[in-house]
Every structure is written in structure tokens, then in C-alpha cells.
Amino acid sequence: MAFNRRAAMALPLAALGAPRVLRAQQERFPSRPITVIVPFPPGGATDVQMRSMAEAATRAFGQTVLVENKPGAGSTLGASQVARAQPDGYLLTQMTLPCLRLPWMQPMPFDPRKDFTPIIHLTGYLFGVVVRADGPYKTWGDLVEDARRRPGRVRIGNTGANGTPHLTVVELAEREKLDVIHVPFRGEGDAVPQVLGGHIEALAAGSGAGKLVDEGKLRFLNLWVGQRSERWPEVPTLVELGYQGMVVTSPYGLCGPAGMDPAVVKTLHDGMKLALFDPQHLATLKQLDQPVEYLDSAAYGRFMLETIEMEKRRVERLGLRTG
């Protein structure tokens, strides 16, 4: 889905649900390290971005900000852990789009509408389909033609079952009436070696694969952004390829448990905002072709609510319920 700042302001924050009671803070916050869960393996675009931001946040807070990787379960393990954590501000998670989608598909150990405190919205991904540069596919049309010629044989990897890359390829296959094999991995760090090794024909990936594209080892066949990338201007967008309305960036931010002290939320927001706009972190975002998509805590909460409703409609439209 595309990031929509205007729509993000449309829903009341009160709909996030009543906060839990938190005892008054007895110490200056933060007085010890803060942990941010990244629900993907090391080495992918998210891990690179969040580690760069954690370094900047460490400078902003004067306390260490740690990144803990917890891949698996469709990038929901961080949300599952944080939903049960003490609302003291010392454990946060990246809130991925699947965390807002999967509760409509299957039972989940959290409710995204009431189990979290939005802190700050950060950015979104540059996604696309990559293949080996020395392989047979020079264009997206080549892959589509091969998939039609060999139904049920072309393997397209993704960074997690029911994640945004997976479901976008499902939609593309539906539009083209293709029978392809969807191969889920725990994240880009696990998936990229599989396409390099020829174990899958293609991969729906983020810009974490960009270094290998620049080195001539991988090739983007399409990109899912609204306009062509300055870094890879020769690669067409999905809209240019005729898929109207398909701009897919899977925006994300940081959340803590429900019931956090508003003063702690403000401190976290202000420090993370400084980190988001830190020059070294901005350079990392530029390297990853990820835009700054800042929203404060209240606006991010409204954006989450709108996104949850959009994902509910998407699940119903594609018939994705699994339990």
C-alpha cells in the first residue's frame, strides 16, 4: 500500500482503545538501554536501516539503543512480544504491515487496535522483483512469458508468507493469470542467496538487494514505487507496466506496549525523531532508496487505524482468511 499522510489524519486516536494504568515513573527516562525488535534477519534493508537509526538514537538519548532480530511468523514476533511487555518504554518493535493484516486472516496473540502505543512513523520500502543478472529474464515480460509456458514451475521467493512482497506477487499473478510457486523466507538476508544460487527463479525483495544490483549480480525487473528510482532509472514501475494503482511501499514505524506514560512516549518520539533526521541515518535511507515518511505519535496512531481497515478489506477481497 502507498503512504497517505492526508488519510492518516482522518481517524480519532481514541479508537486505539483505553490505555492500561502505569505507575508513575520514579526515574529519569531513559536510565538504561532501550531495545528495538526488528522482526527480520540481519543483513536485509530493514536491519541496515534500523541499526543506523539505533546508532543515531543512542547519541540522542545518551543511552544505548539495541537492535534485536526476531525473524519468523510473518514479521509479527516483535509485536507479539511487545504486546505482552511492561509499558515502561524500554522495549519497542518495528510495526510491520503484516502486524496490521494478519489478525484479519488468523488468530493472533495481539490486537493491533488496542495492544500498542504508536511512537513514530519512519519510512517505507522500495520493493521490486529481482533475478540473477546472468539469467534468462531481461524484462518482467520475459518472466511472465516463461511462467505462462511453464505453469507451476517458476519459483518466486518472498520475505515472509502473507507479507507485502508475497501478497503483491499474488496480485500480479492473479492479474496475469499465472500459476507460480511462492517460496517464503524469513527475510531478505535469507532469500537473496537463494536467488543468487539459482534455487529460485526470482525474488520479491527490497532495496537490501540493491548493492548486488549495482555490482551486476542481480537485476530488478520492476519497482513498486510511484515513480522511477533515481538509483535505477532504467527499471520500470508497476504502474508503467500497466498495473494501475499498484504503488506498494509497506510503510512502518515504531510502537511500544499499550498504556505507556505520555511523558515517556514524548521522550521516545522526540529522541527517535532526532535519530530519523540524523545526517548519517538520512544517508543510510538514501542508500536504501527509502524516503522519510515522518508522522508523530498521534498521527501515526490514526494512520495505523486507517491501514488496519484497508488491510481488512484487502483480506476479504483476496479471500486470504486462513483460520
C-alpha atoms as a PDB file:
ATOM      1  CA  MET A   1       0.000   0.000   0.000  1.00  0.00           C
ATOM      2  CA  ALA A   2       1.149   3.582  -0.549  1.00  0.00           C
ATOM      3  CA  PHE A   3       1.837   6.011   2.287  1.00  0.00           C
ATOM      4  CA  ASN A   4      -1.000   8.555   2.561  1.00  0.00           C
ATOM      5  CA  ARG A   5      -0.334  11.389   5.013  1.00  0.00           C
ATOM      6  CA  ARG A   6      -3.695  13.123   4.463  1.00  0.00           C
ATOM      7  CA  ALA A   7      -5.672   9.960   5.087  1.00  0.00           C
ATOM      8  CA  ALA A   8      -3.574   9.284   8.154  1.00  0.00           C
ATOM      9  CA  MET A   9      -5.202  12.244   9.867  1.00  0.00           C
ATOM     10  CA  ALA A  10      -8.758  11.041   9.341  1.00  0.00           C
ATOM     11  CA  LEU A  11      -9.476   8.777  12.315  1.00  0.00           C
ATOM     12  CA  PRO A  12      -9.689   9.550  16.037  1.00  0.00           C
ATOM     13  CA  LEU A  13      -6.819   8.358  18.182  1.00  0.00           C
ATOM     14  CA  ALA A  14      -9.286   7.429  20.922  1.00  0.00           C
ATOM     15  CA  ALA A  15     -10.266   4.429  18.826  1.00  0.00           C
ATOM     16  CA  LEU A  16      -6.952   2.820  19.761  1.00  0.00           C
ATOM     17  CA  GLY A  17      -8.598   1.729  22.988  1.00  0.00           C
ATOM     18  CA  ALA A  18      -8.259   2.594  26.662  1.00  0.00           C
ATOM     19  CA  PRO A  19      -4.658   2.551  27.987  1.00  0.00           C
ATOM     20  CA  ARG A  20      -3.561   0.354  30.829  1.00  0.00           C
ATOM     21  CA  VAL A  21      -2.593   2.045  34.095  1.00  0.00           C
ATOM     22  CA  LEU A  22       1.140   2.593  34.533  1.00  0.00           C
ATOM     23  CA  ARG A  23       2.690   3.507  37.867  1.00  0.00           C
ATOM     24  CA  ALA A  24       4.309   6.920  37.907  1.00  0.00           C
ATOM     25  CA  GLN A  25       7.864   6.933  36.654  1.00  0.00           C
ATOM     26  CA  GLN A  26      10.283   7.131  39.584  1.00  0.00           C
ATOM     27  CA  GLU A  27      13.385   7.701  37.478  1.00  0.00           C
ATOM     28  CA  ARG A  28      14.515   9.808  34.573  1.00  0.00           C
ATOM     29  CA  PHE A  29      13.764   8.132  31.255  1.00  0.00           C
ATOM     30  CA  PRO A  30      15.741   6.536  29.759  1.00  0.00           C
ATOM     31  CA  SER A  31      18.070   5.406  32.520  1.00  0.00           C
ATOM     32  CA  ARG A  32      19.126   2.145  30.857  1.00  0.00           C
ATOM     33  CA  PRO A  33      19.362   0.668  27.324  1.00  0.00           C
ATOM     34  CA  ILE A  34      16.325   0.608  25.045  1.00  0.00           C
ATOM     35  CA  THR A  35      15.738  -2.456  22.857  1.00  0.00           C
ATOM     36  CA  VAL A  36      14.079  -2.245  19.446  1.00  0.00           C
ATOM     37  CA  ILE A  37      12.921  -5.535  17.936  1.00  0.00           C
ATOM     38  CA  VAL A  38      13.433  -5.926  14.194  1.00  0.00           C
ATOM     39  CA  PRO A  39      11.344  -8.917  13.062  1.00  0.00           C
ATOM     40  CA  PHE A  40      13.681  -9.789  10.185  1.00  0.00           C
ATOM     41  CA  PRO A  41      17.112 -11.471   9.947  1.00  0.00           C
ATOM     42  CA  PRO A  42      20.360  -9.481   9.919  1.00  0.00           C
ATOM     43  CA  GLY A  43      21.565  -8.194   6.573  1.00  0.00           C
ATOM     44  CA  GLY A  44      18.354  -7.032   4.899  1.00  0.00           C
ATOM     45  CA  ALA A  45      17.199  -3.464   4.239  1.00  0.00           C
ATOM     46  CA  THR A  46      15.217  -3.223   7.477  1.00  0.00           C
ATOM     47  CA  ASP A  47      18.116  -4.398   9.612  1.00  0.00           C
ATOM     48  CA  VAL A  48      20.505  -1.954   7.935  1.00  0.00           C
ATOM     49  CA  GLN A  49      18.090   0.954   8.361  1.00  0.00           C
ATOM     50  CA  MET A  50      17.181   0.213  11.962  1.00  0.00           C
ATOM     51  CA  ARG A  51      20.791  -0.321  13.059  1.00  0.00           C
ATOM     52  CA  SER A  52      21.757   3.012  11.528  1.00  0.00           C
ATOM     53  CA  MET A  53      18.866   4.690  13.310  1.00  0.00           C
ATOM     54  CA  ALA A  54      19.718   2.939  16.588  1.00  0.00           C
ATOM     55  CA  GLU A  55      23.223   4.426  16.432  1.00  0.00           C
ATOM     56  CA  ALA A  56      21.747   7.889  15.949  1.00  0.00           C
ATOM     57  CA  ALA A  57      19.172   7.285  18.708  1.00  0.00           C
ATOM     58  CA  THR A  58      21.947   6.235  21.085  1.00  0.00           C
ATOM     59  CA  ARG A  59      23.508   9.658  20.568  1.00  0.00           C
ATOM     60  CA  ALA A  60      20.144  11.379  21.003  1.00  0.00           C
ATOM     61  CA  PHE A  61      19.172   9.600  24.238  1.00  0.00           C
ATOM     62  CA  GLY A  62      22.587   9.244  25.831  1.00  0.00           C
ATOM     63  CA  GLN A  63      21.678   5.594  26.385  1.00  0.00           C
ATOM     64  CA  THR A  64      22.381   2.582  24.193  1.00  0.00           C
ATOM     65  CA  VAL A  65      19.617   1.641  21.761  1.00  0.00           C
ATOM     66  CA  LEU A  66      19.934  -2.037  20.895  1.00  0.00           C
ATOM     67  CA  VAL A  67      18.538  -3.860  17.856  1.00  0.00           C
ATOM     68  CA  GLU A  68      17.311  -7.407  18.456  1.00  0.00           C
ATOM     69  CA  ASN A  69      16.481  -9.540  15.398  1.00  0.00           C
ATOM     70  CA  LYS A  70      13.469 -11.842  15.770  1.00  0.00           C
ATOM     71  CA  PRO A  71      12.647 -13.182  12.299  1.00  0.00           C
ATOM     72  CA  GLY A  72       9.778 -15.510  11.527  1.00  0.00           C
ATOM     73  CA  ALA A  73       5.983 -15.703  11.876  1.00  0.00           C
ATOM     74  CA  GLY A  74       5.429 -13.266   9.027  1.00  0.00           C
ATOM     75  CA  SER A  75       7.370 -10.480  10.809  1.00  0.00           C
ATOM     76  CA  THR A  76       4.996 -10.483  13.808  1.00  0.00           C
ATOM     77  CA  LEU A  77       7.250 -11.829  16.581  1.00  0.00           C
ATOM     78  CA  GLY A  78       8.247  -8.360  17.713  1.00  0.00           C
ATOM     79  CA  ALA A  79       4.637  -7.242  18.014  1.00  0.00           C
ATOM     80  CA  SER A  80       3.735 -10.438  19.863  1.00  0.00           C
ATOM     81  CA  GLN A  81       6.482  -9.850  22.434  1.00  0.00           C
ATOM     82  CA  VAL A  82       5.883  -6.131  22.890  1.00  0.00           C
ATOM     83  CA  ALA A  83       2.113  -6.591  23.306  1.00  0.00           C
ATOM     84  CA  ARG A  84       2.889  -8.583  26.495  1.00  0.00           C
ATOM     85  CA  ALA A  85       5.723  -6.370  27.758  1.00  0.00           C
ATOM     86  CA  GLN A  86       5.758  -3.862  30.583  1.00  0.00           C
ATOM     87  CA  PRO A  87       4.783  -0.441  29.211  1.00  0.00           C
ATOM     88  CA  ASP A  88       7.911   1.232  30.542  1.00  0.00           C
ATOM     89  CA  GLY A  89       9.357   2.305  27.183  1.00  0.00           C
ATOM     90  CA  TYR A  90      12.400   0.055  27.241  1.00  0.00           C
ATOM     91  CA  LEU A  91      11.087  -2.452  24.672  1.00  0.00           C
ATOM     92  CA  LEU A  92       9.807  -1.283  21.284  1.00  0.00           C
ATOM     93  CA  THR A  93       9.146  -3.021  17.988  1.00  0.00           C
ATOM     94  CA  GLN A  94       9.070  -2.194  14.346  1.00  0.00           C
ATOM     95  CA  MET A  95       5.369  -2.345  13.457  1.00  0.00           C
ATOM     96  CA  THR A  96       5.222  -4.049  10.071  1.00  0.00           C
ATOM     97  CA  LEU A  97       2.264  -4.095   7.723  1.00  0.00           C
ATOM     98  CA  PRO A  98       1.617  -7.830   8.325  1.00  0.00           C
ATOM     99  CA  CYS A  99       1.035  -6.981  12.002  1.00  0.00           C
ATOM    100  CA  LEU A 100      -1.952  -4.937  10.849  1.00  0.00           C
ATOM    101  CA  ARG A 101      -3.095  -7.522   8.296  1.00  0.00           C
ATOM    102  CA  LEU A 102      -2.685 -10.975   9.838  1.00  0.00           C
ATOM    103  CA  PRO A 103      -5.224 -10.500  12.661  1.00  0.00           C
ATOM    104  CA  TRP A 104      -7.866 -10.468   9.907  1.00  0.00           C
ATOM    105  CA  MET A 105      -6.539 -13.739   8.497  1.00  0.00           C
ATOM    106  CA  GLN A 106      -5.898 -15.922  11.535  1.00  0.00           C
ATOM    107  CA  PRO A 107      -5.880 -15.834  15.343  1.00  0.00           C
ATOM    108  CA  MET A 108      -3.035 -13.679  16.639  1.00  0.00           C
ATOM    109  CA  PRO A 109      -1.753 -13.060  20.190  1.00  0.00           C
ATOM    110  CA  PHE A 110      -2.384  -9.308  19.876  1.00  0.00           C
ATOM    111  CA  ASP A 111      -4.953  -6.803  18.658  1.00  0.00           C
ATOM    112  CA  PRO A 112      -3.243  -4.015  16.689  1.00  0.00           C
ATOM    113  CA  ARG A 113      -6.106  -1.635  17.510  1.00  0.00           C
ATOM    114  CA  LYS A 114      -5.602  -1.650  21.277  1.00  0.00           C
ATOM    115  CA  ASP A 115      -2.417  -3.500  22.343  1.00  0.00           C
ATOM    116  CA  PHE A 116       0.162  -0.910  21.238  1.00  0.00           C
ATOM    117  CA  THR A 117       1.249   2.673  21.757  1.00  0.00           C
ATOM    118  CA  PRO A 118       2.333   4.333  18.486  1.00  0.00           C
ATOM    119  CA  ILE A 119       5.637   6.184  18.904  1.00  0.00           C
ATOM    120  CA  ILE A 120       6.688   7.441  15.466  1.00  0.00           C
ATOM    121  CA  HIS A 121       6.233   6.575  11.811  1.00  0.00           C
ATOM    122  CA  LEU A 122       9.535   6.308   9.938  1.00  0.00           C
ATOM    123  CA  THR A 123       9.685   5.222   6.314  1.00  0.00           C
ATOM    124  CA  GLY A 124       8.629   2.684   3.703  1.00  0.00           C
ATOM    125  CA  TYR A 125      10.425   0.264   1.441  1.00  0.00           C
ATOM    126  CA  LEU A 126      11.494   0.282  -2.158  1.00  0.00           C
ATOM    127  CA  PHE A 127      10.302  -3.118  -3.418  1.00  0.00           C
ATOM    128  CA  GLY A 128      10.652  -4.906  -6.724  1.00  0.00           C
ATOM    129  CA  VAL A 129      11.248  -8.262  -8.372  1.00  0.00           C
ATOM    130  CA  VAL A 130      14.903  -9.230  -8.770  1.00  0.00           C
ATOM    131  CA  VAL A 131      16.524 -12.029 -10.772  1.00  0.00           C
ATOM    132  CA  ARG A 132      20.065 -13.121 -11.482  1.00  0.00           C
ATOM    133  CA  ALA A 133      21.670 -10.687 -13.895  1.00  0.00           C
ATOM    134  CA  ASP A 134      23.109 -13.558 -15.948  1.00  0.00           C
ATOM    135  CA  GLY A 135      19.781 -15.406 -16.085  1.00  0.00           C
ATOM    136  CA  PRO A 136      17.222 -15.651 -18.897  1.00  0.00           C
ATOM    137  CA  TYR A 137      14.940 -12.828 -17.742  1.00  0.00           C
ATOM    138  CA  LYS A 138      15.842  -9.394 -19.058  1.00  0.00           C
ATOM    139  CA  THR A 139      12.392  -7.867 -18.501  1.00  0.00           C
ATOM    140  CA  TRP A 140       9.289  -8.533 -16.391  1.00  0.00           C
ATOM    141  CA  GLY A 141       7.596  -9.616 -19.616  1.00  0.00           C
ATOM    142  CA  ASP A 142      10.197 -12.374 -20.011  1.00  0.00           C
ATOM    143  CA  LEU A 143       9.315 -13.803 -16.599  1.00  0.00           C
ATOM    144  CA  VAL A 144       5.570 -13.586 -17.291  1.00  0.00           C
ATOM    145  CA  GLU A 145       6.031 -15.368 -20.623  1.00  0.00           C
ATOM    146  CA  ASP A 146       8.106 -18.135 -19.023  1.00  0.00           C
ATOM    147  CA  ALA A 147       5.552 -18.596 -16.235  1.00  0.00           C
ATOM    148  CA  ARG A 148       2.797 -18.994 -18.822  1.00  0.00           C
ATOM    149  CA  ARG A 149       4.884 -21.510 -20.761  1.00  0.00           C
ATOM    150  CA  ARG A 150       5.739 -23.495 -17.605  1.00  0.00           C
ATOM    151  CA  PRO A 151       2.746 -23.316 -15.249  1.00  0.00           C
ATOM    152  CA  GLY A 152       3.557 -24.350 -11.697  1.00  0.00           C
ATOM    153  CA  ARG A 153       7.314 -24.354 -12.334  1.00  0.00           C
ATOM    154  CA  VAL A 154       8.523 -20.768 -11.853  1.00  0.00           C
ATOM    155  CA  ARG A 155       9.512 -20.100  -8.226  1.00  0.00           C
ATOM    156  CA  ILE A 156       9.237 -16.565  -6.866  1.00  0.00           C
ATOM    157  CA  GLY A 157      10.604 -16.022  -3.375  1.00  0.00           C
ATOM    158  CA  ASN A 158       9.399 -13.509  -0.824  1.00  0.00           C
ATOM    159  CA  THR A 159      10.434 -12.208   2.577  1.00  0.00           C
ATOM    160  CA  GLY A 160       7.673 -13.960   4.534  1.00  0.00           C
ATOM    161  CA  ALA A 161       4.344 -15.689   3.966  1.00  0.00           C
ATOM    162  CA  ASN A 162       1.464 -13.188   3.805  1.00  0.00           C
ATOM    163  CA  GLY A 163       3.872 -10.271   3.906  1.00  0.00           C
ATOM    164  CA  THR A 164       3.566  -7.389   1.475  1.00  0.00           C
ATOM    165  CA  PRO A 165       6.052  -8.778  -1.112  1.00  0.00           C
ATOM    166  CA  HIS A 166       4.229 -12.133  -1.096  1.00  0.00           C
ATOM    167  CA  LEU A 167       0.737 -10.666  -1.462  1.00  0.00           C
ATOM    168  CA  THR A 168       1.831  -8.218  -4.145  1.00  0.00           C
ATOM    169  CA  VAL A 169       3.168 -11.095  -6.250  1.00  0.00           C
ATOM    170  CA  VAL A 170      -0.104 -12.948  -5.581  1.00  0.00           C
ATOM    171  CA  GLU A 171      -1.961  -9.949  -7.011  1.00  0.00           C
ATOM    172  CA  LEU A 172       0.379  -9.712 -10.000  1.00  0.00           C
ATOM    173  CA  ALA A 173      -0.060 -13.435 -10.706  1.00  0.00           C
ATOM    174  CA  GLU A 174      -3.836 -13.047 -10.461  1.00  0.00           C
ATOM    175  CA  ARG A 175      -3.847 -10.155 -12.925  1.00  0.00           C
ATOM    176  CA  GLU A 176      -1.684 -12.116 -15.355  1.00  0.00           C
ATOM    177  CA  LYS A 177      -3.468 -15.438 -14.651  1.00  0.00           C
ATOM    178  CA  LEU A 178      -0.172 -17.115 -13.777  1.00  0.00           C
ATOM    179  CA  ASP A 179       0.410 -20.310 -11.826  1.00  0.00           C
ATOM    180  CA  VAL A 180       3.678 -19.696  -9.949  1.00  0.00           C
ATOM    181  CA  ILE A 181       5.215 -21.174  -6.807  1.00  0.00           C
ATOM    182  CA  HIS A 182       5.500 -18.731  -3.894  1.00  0.00           C
ATOM    183  CA  VAL A 183       8.537 -19.514  -1.722  1.00  0.00           C
ATOM    184  CA  PRO A 184       8.606 -17.737   1.667  1.00  0.00           C
ATOM    185  CA  PHE A 185      11.799 -16.919   3.567  1.00  0.00           C
ATOM    186  CA  ARG A 186      12.365 -15.205   6.913  1.00  0.00           C
ATOM    187  CA  GLY A 187      13.694 -12.036   5.286  1.00  0.00           C
ATOM    188  CA  GLU A 188      15.963 -10.648   2.595  1.00  0.00           C
ATOM    189  CA  GLY A 189      19.085 -11.864   4.339  1.00  0.00           C
ATOM    190  CA  ASP A 190      17.878 -15.448   3.891  1.00  0.00           C
ATOM    191  CA  ALA A 191      16.243 -15.026   0.494  1.00  0.00           C
ATOM    192  CA  VAL A 192      18.869 -13.198  -1.578  1.00  0.00           C
ATOM    193  CA  PRO A 193      21.413 -16.081  -1.503  1.00  0.00           C
ATOM    194  CA  GLN A 194      18.692 -18.391  -2.836  1.00  0.00           C
ATOM    195  CA  VAL A 195      18.103 -16.347  -5.968  1.00  0.00           C
ATOM    196  CA  LEU A 196      21.847 -15.870  -6.418  1.00  0.00           C
ATOM    197  CA  GLY A 197      22.333 -19.630  -6.167  1.00  0.00           C
ATOM    198  CA  GLY A 198      19.607 -20.368  -8.728  1.00  0.00           C
ATOM    199  CA  HIS A 199      17.369 -22.147  -6.210  1.00  0.00           C
ATOM    200  CA  ILE A 200      14.503 -19.811  -7.128  1.00  0.00           C
ATOM    201  CA  GLU A 201      13.914 -18.002 -10.396  1.00  0.00           C
ATOM    202  CA  ALA A 202      13.030 -14.606  -8.896  1.00  0.00           C
ATOM    203  CA  LEU A 203      12.591 -12.798  -5.602  1.00  0.00           C
ATOM    204  CA  ALA A 204      10.257 -10.052  -4.416  1.00  0.00           C
ATOM    205  CA  ALA A 205      12.771  -8.014  -2.451  1.00  0.00           C
ATOM    206  CA  GLY A 206      13.556  -4.602  -1.041  1.00  0.00           C
ATOM    207  CA  SER A 207      16.494  -2.352  -1.666  1.00  0.00           C
ATOM    208  CA  GLY A 208      18.662  -4.550   0.563  1.00  0.00           C
ATOM    209  CA  ALA A 209      19.385  -6.354  -2.698  1.00  0.00           C
ATOM    210  CA  GLY A 210      20.467  -3.072  -4.280  1.00  0.00           C
ATOM    211  CA  LYS A 211      24.199  -3.486  -3.692  1.00  0.00           C
ATOM    212  CA  LEU A 212      24.141  -6.733  -5.674  1.00  0.00           C
ATOM    213  CA  VAL A 213      22.161  -4.993  -8.418  1.00  0.00           C
ATOM    214  CA  ASP A 214      24.793  -2.261  -8.560  1.00  0.00           C
ATOM    215  CA  GLU A 215      27.510  -4.930  -8.712  1.00  0.00           C
ATOM    216  CA  GLY A 216      25.830  -6.555 -11.723  1.00  0.00           C
ATOM    217  CA  LYS A 217      24.906  -9.781  -9.922  1.00  0.00           C
ATOM    218  CA  LEU A 218      21.161  -9.161  -9.720  1.00  0.00           C
ATOM    219  CA  ARG A 219      18.703  -7.281 -11.936  1.00  0.00           C
ATOM    220  CA  PHE A 220      15.465  -5.520 -10.992  1.00  0.00           C
ATOM    221  CA  LEU A 221      12.669  -6.373 -13.432  1.00  0.00           C
ATOM    222  CA  ASN A 222      10.253  -3.864 -11.922  1.00  0.00           C
ATOM    223  CA  LEU A 223       9.917  -1.486  -8.986  1.00  0.00           C
ATOM    224  CA  TRP A 224       6.778  -0.867  -6.940  1.00  0.00           C
ATOM    225  CA  VAL A 225       7.263   2.841  -6.182  1.00  0.00           C
ATOM    226  CA  GLY A 226       5.234   5.714  -7.602  1.00  0.00           C
ATOM    227  CA  GLN A 227       7.945   6.967  -9.941  1.00  0.00           C
ATOM    228  CA  ARG A 228      11.205   5.630 -11.281  1.00  0.00           C
ATOM    229  CA  SER A 229      14.110   5.399  -8.871  1.00  0.00           C
ATOM    230  CA  GLU A 230      16.989   7.837  -9.304  1.00  0.00           C
ATOM    231  CA  ARG A 231      19.330   4.953  -8.497  1.00  0.00           C
ATOM    232  CA  TRP A 232      17.911   2.607 -11.155  1.00  0.00           C
ATOM    233  CA  PRO A 233      16.213   4.894 -13.677  1.00  0.00           C
ATOM    234  CA  GLU A 234      16.082   2.172 -16.325  1.00  0.00           C
ATOM    235  CA  VAL A 235      13.746  -0.022 -14.255  1.00  0.00           C
ATOM    236  CA  PRO A 236      10.005   0.480 -14.936  1.00  0.00           C
ATOM    237  CA  THR A 237       7.411   0.830 -12.194  1.00  0.00           C
ATOM    238  CA  LEU A 238       4.393  -1.466 -11.953  1.00  0.00           C
ATOM    239  CA  VAL A 239       2.152   1.423 -12.980  1.00  0.00           C
ATOM    240  CA  GLU A 240       4.249   1.932 -16.117  1.00  0.00           C
ATOM    241  CA  LEU A 241       3.887  -1.774 -16.858  1.00  0.00           C
ATOM    242  CA  GLY A 242       0.107  -1.399 -16.859  1.00  0.00           C
ATOM    243  CA  TYR A 243      -0.782  -2.351 -13.270  1.00  0.00           C
ATOM    244  CA  GLN A 244      -2.847   0.677 -12.401  1.00  0.00           C
ATOM    245  CA  GLY A 245      -2.899   1.681  -8.754  1.00  0.00           C
ATOM    246  CA  MET A 246      -0.103  -0.691  -7.704  1.00  0.00           C
ATOM    247  CA  VAL A 247       2.219   1.515  -5.663  1.00  0.00           C
ATOM    248  CA  VAL A 248       3.469  -0.649  -2.786  1.00  0.00           C
ATOM    249  CA  THR A 249       5.857   0.628  -0.115  1.00  0.00           C
ATOM    250  CA  SER A 250       4.714  -1.177   3.096  1.00  0.00           C
ATOM    251  CA  PRO A 251       5.273   1.777   5.457  1.00  0.00           C
ATOM    252  CA  TYR A 252       6.349   1.163   9.038  1.00  0.00           C
ATOM    253  CA  GLY A 253       7.143   2.811  12.358  1.00  0.00           C
ATOM    254  CA  LEU A 254       7.901   2.051  15.999  1.00  0.00           C
ATOM    255  CA  CYS A 255       5.420   1.040  18.709  1.00  0.00           C
ATOM    256  CA  GLY A 256       5.539   0.140  22.378  1.00  0.00           C
ATOM    257  CA  PRO A 257       3.014  -1.671  24.585  1.00  0.00           C
ATOM    258  CA  ALA A 258      -0.357  -0.107  25.337  1.00  0.00           C
ATOM    259  CA  GLY A 259      -0.630   2.041  28.444  1.00  0.00           C
ATOM    260  CA  MET A 260       2.658   3.894  28.267  1.00  0.00           C
ATOM    261  CA  ASP A 261       3.205   7.077  30.269  1.00  0.00           C
ATOM    262  CA  PRO A 262       2.599  10.013  27.869  1.00  0.00           C
ATOM    263  CA  ALA A 263       5.797  11.678  29.093  1.00  0.00           C
ATOM    264  CA  VAL A 264       7.793   8.570  28.162  1.00  0.00           C
ATOM    265  CA  VAL A 265       6.074   8.446  24.762  1.00  0.00           C
ATOM    266  CA  LYS A 266       7.042  12.068  24.123  1.00  0.00           C
ATOM    267  CA  THR A 267      10.656  11.425  25.143  1.00  0.00           C
ATOM    268  CA  LEU A 268      10.839   8.395  22.850  1.00  0.00           C
ATOM    269  CA  HIS A 269       9.207  10.263  19.987  1.00  0.00           C
ATOM    270  CA  ASP A 270      11.490  13.277  20.303  1.00  0.00           C
ATOM    271  CA  GLY A 271      14.660  11.176  20.503  1.00  0.00           C
ATOM    272  CA  MET A 272      13.627   8.915  17.640  1.00  0.00           C
ATOM    273  CA  LYS A 273      12.712  11.935  15.530  1.00  0.00           C
ATOM    274  CA  LEU A 274      16.201  13.335  16.067  1.00  0.00           C
ATOM    275  CA  ALA A 275      17.592   9.946  15.019  1.00  0.00           C
ATOM    276  CA  LEU A 276      15.322   9.747  11.959  1.00  0.00           C
ATOM    277  CA  PHE A 277      16.638  13.084  10.667  1.00  0.00           C
ATOM    278  CA  ASP A 278      20.245  12.499  11.755  1.00  0.00           C
ATOM    279  CA  PRO A 279      22.501  13.101   8.700  1.00  0.00           C
ATOM    280  CA  GLN A 280      24.160   9.690   8.960  1.00  0.00           C
ATOM    281  CA  HIS A 281      20.777   7.960   9.104  1.00  0.00           C
ATOM    282  CA  LEU A 282      19.447  10.049   6.210  1.00  0.00           C
ATOM    283  CA  ALA A 283      22.454   8.871   4.206  1.00  0.00           C
ATOM    284  CA  THR A 284      21.523   5.271   5.004  1.00  0.00           C
ATOM    285  CA  LEU A 285      17.928   5.877   3.859  1.00  0.00           C
ATOM    286  CA  LYS A 286      19.218   7.385   0.631  1.00  0.00           C
ATOM    287  CA  GLN A 287      21.469   4.373   0.082  1.00  0.00           C
ATOM    288  CA  LEU A 288      18.436   2.106   0.563  1.00  0.00           C
ATOM    289  CA  ASP A 289      16.148   4.305  -1.567  1.00  0.00           C
ATOM    290  CA  GLN A 290      13.759   4.655   1.356  1.00  0.00           C
ATOM    291  CA  PRO A 291      12.032   8.031   1.829  1.00  0.00           C
ATOM    292  CA  VAL A 292      11.464   9.784   5.150  1.00  0.00           C
ATOM    293  CA  GLU A 293       7.756   9.368   5.968  1.00  0.00           C
ATOM    294  CA  TYR A 294       7.588  11.014   9.376  1.00  0.00           C
ATOM    295  CA  LEU A 295       4.413  11.077  11.462  1.00  0.00           C
ATOM    296  CA  ASP A 296       4.218  11.992  15.130  1.00  0.00           C
ATOM    297  CA  SER A 297       2.647   9.656  17.682  1.00  0.00           C
ATOM    298  CA  ALA A 298      -0.954  10.852  17.315  1.00  0.00           C
ATOM    299  CA  ALA A 299      -0.903  10.968  13.511  1.00  0.00           C
ATOM    300  CA  TYR A 300       0.760   7.560  13.358  1.00  0.00           C
ATOM    301  CA  GLY A 301      -1.985   6.143  15.555  1.00  0.00           C
ATOM    302  CA  ARG A 302      -4.640   7.427  13.179  1.00  0.00           C
ATOM    303  CA  PHE A 303      -2.680   6.103  10.219  1.00  0.00           C
ATOM    304  CA  MET A 304      -2.499   2.666  11.835  1.00  0.00           C
ATOM    305  CA  LEU A 305      -6.265   2.576  12.295  1.00  0.00           C
ATOM    306  CA  GLU A 306      -6.906   3.516   8.687  1.00  0.00           C
ATOM    307  CA  THR A 307      -4.376   0.943   7.489  1.00  0.00           C
ATOM    308  CA  ILE A 308      -5.977  -1.787   9.608  1.00  0.00           C
ATOM    309  CA  GLU A 309      -9.318  -1.147   7.909  1.00  0.00           C
ATOM    310  CA  MET A 310      -7.686  -1.140   4.460  1.00  0.00           C
ATOM    311  CA  GLU A 311      -5.972  -4.449   5.182  1.00  0.00           C
ATOM    312  CA  LYS A 312      -9.261  -5.942   6.387  1.00  0.00           C
ATOM    313  CA  ARG A 313     -10.837  -5.069   3.039  1.00  0.00           C
ATOM    314  CA  ARG A 314      -7.827  -6.475   1.192  1.00  0.00           C
ATOM    315  CA  VAL A 315      -8.043  -9.795   3.042  1.00  0.00           C
ATOM    316  CA  GLU A 316     -11.731 -10.037   2.206  1.00  0.00           C
ATOM    317  CA  ARG A 317     -11.176  -9.111  -1.449  1.00  0.00           C
ATOM    318  CA  LEU A 318      -8.428 -11.704  -1.976  1.00  0.00           C
ATOM    319  CA  GLY A 319     -10.073 -14.383   0.187  1.00  0.00           C
ATOM    320  CA  LEU A 320      -6.990 -14.697   2.394  1.00  0.00           C
ATOM    321  CA  ARG A 321      -8.521 -15.954   5.625  1.00  0.00           C
ATOM    322  CA  THR A 322      -6.545 -18.923   6.955  1.00  0.00           C
ATOM    323  CA  GLY A 323      -8.117 -19.592  10.317  1.00  0.00           C
END
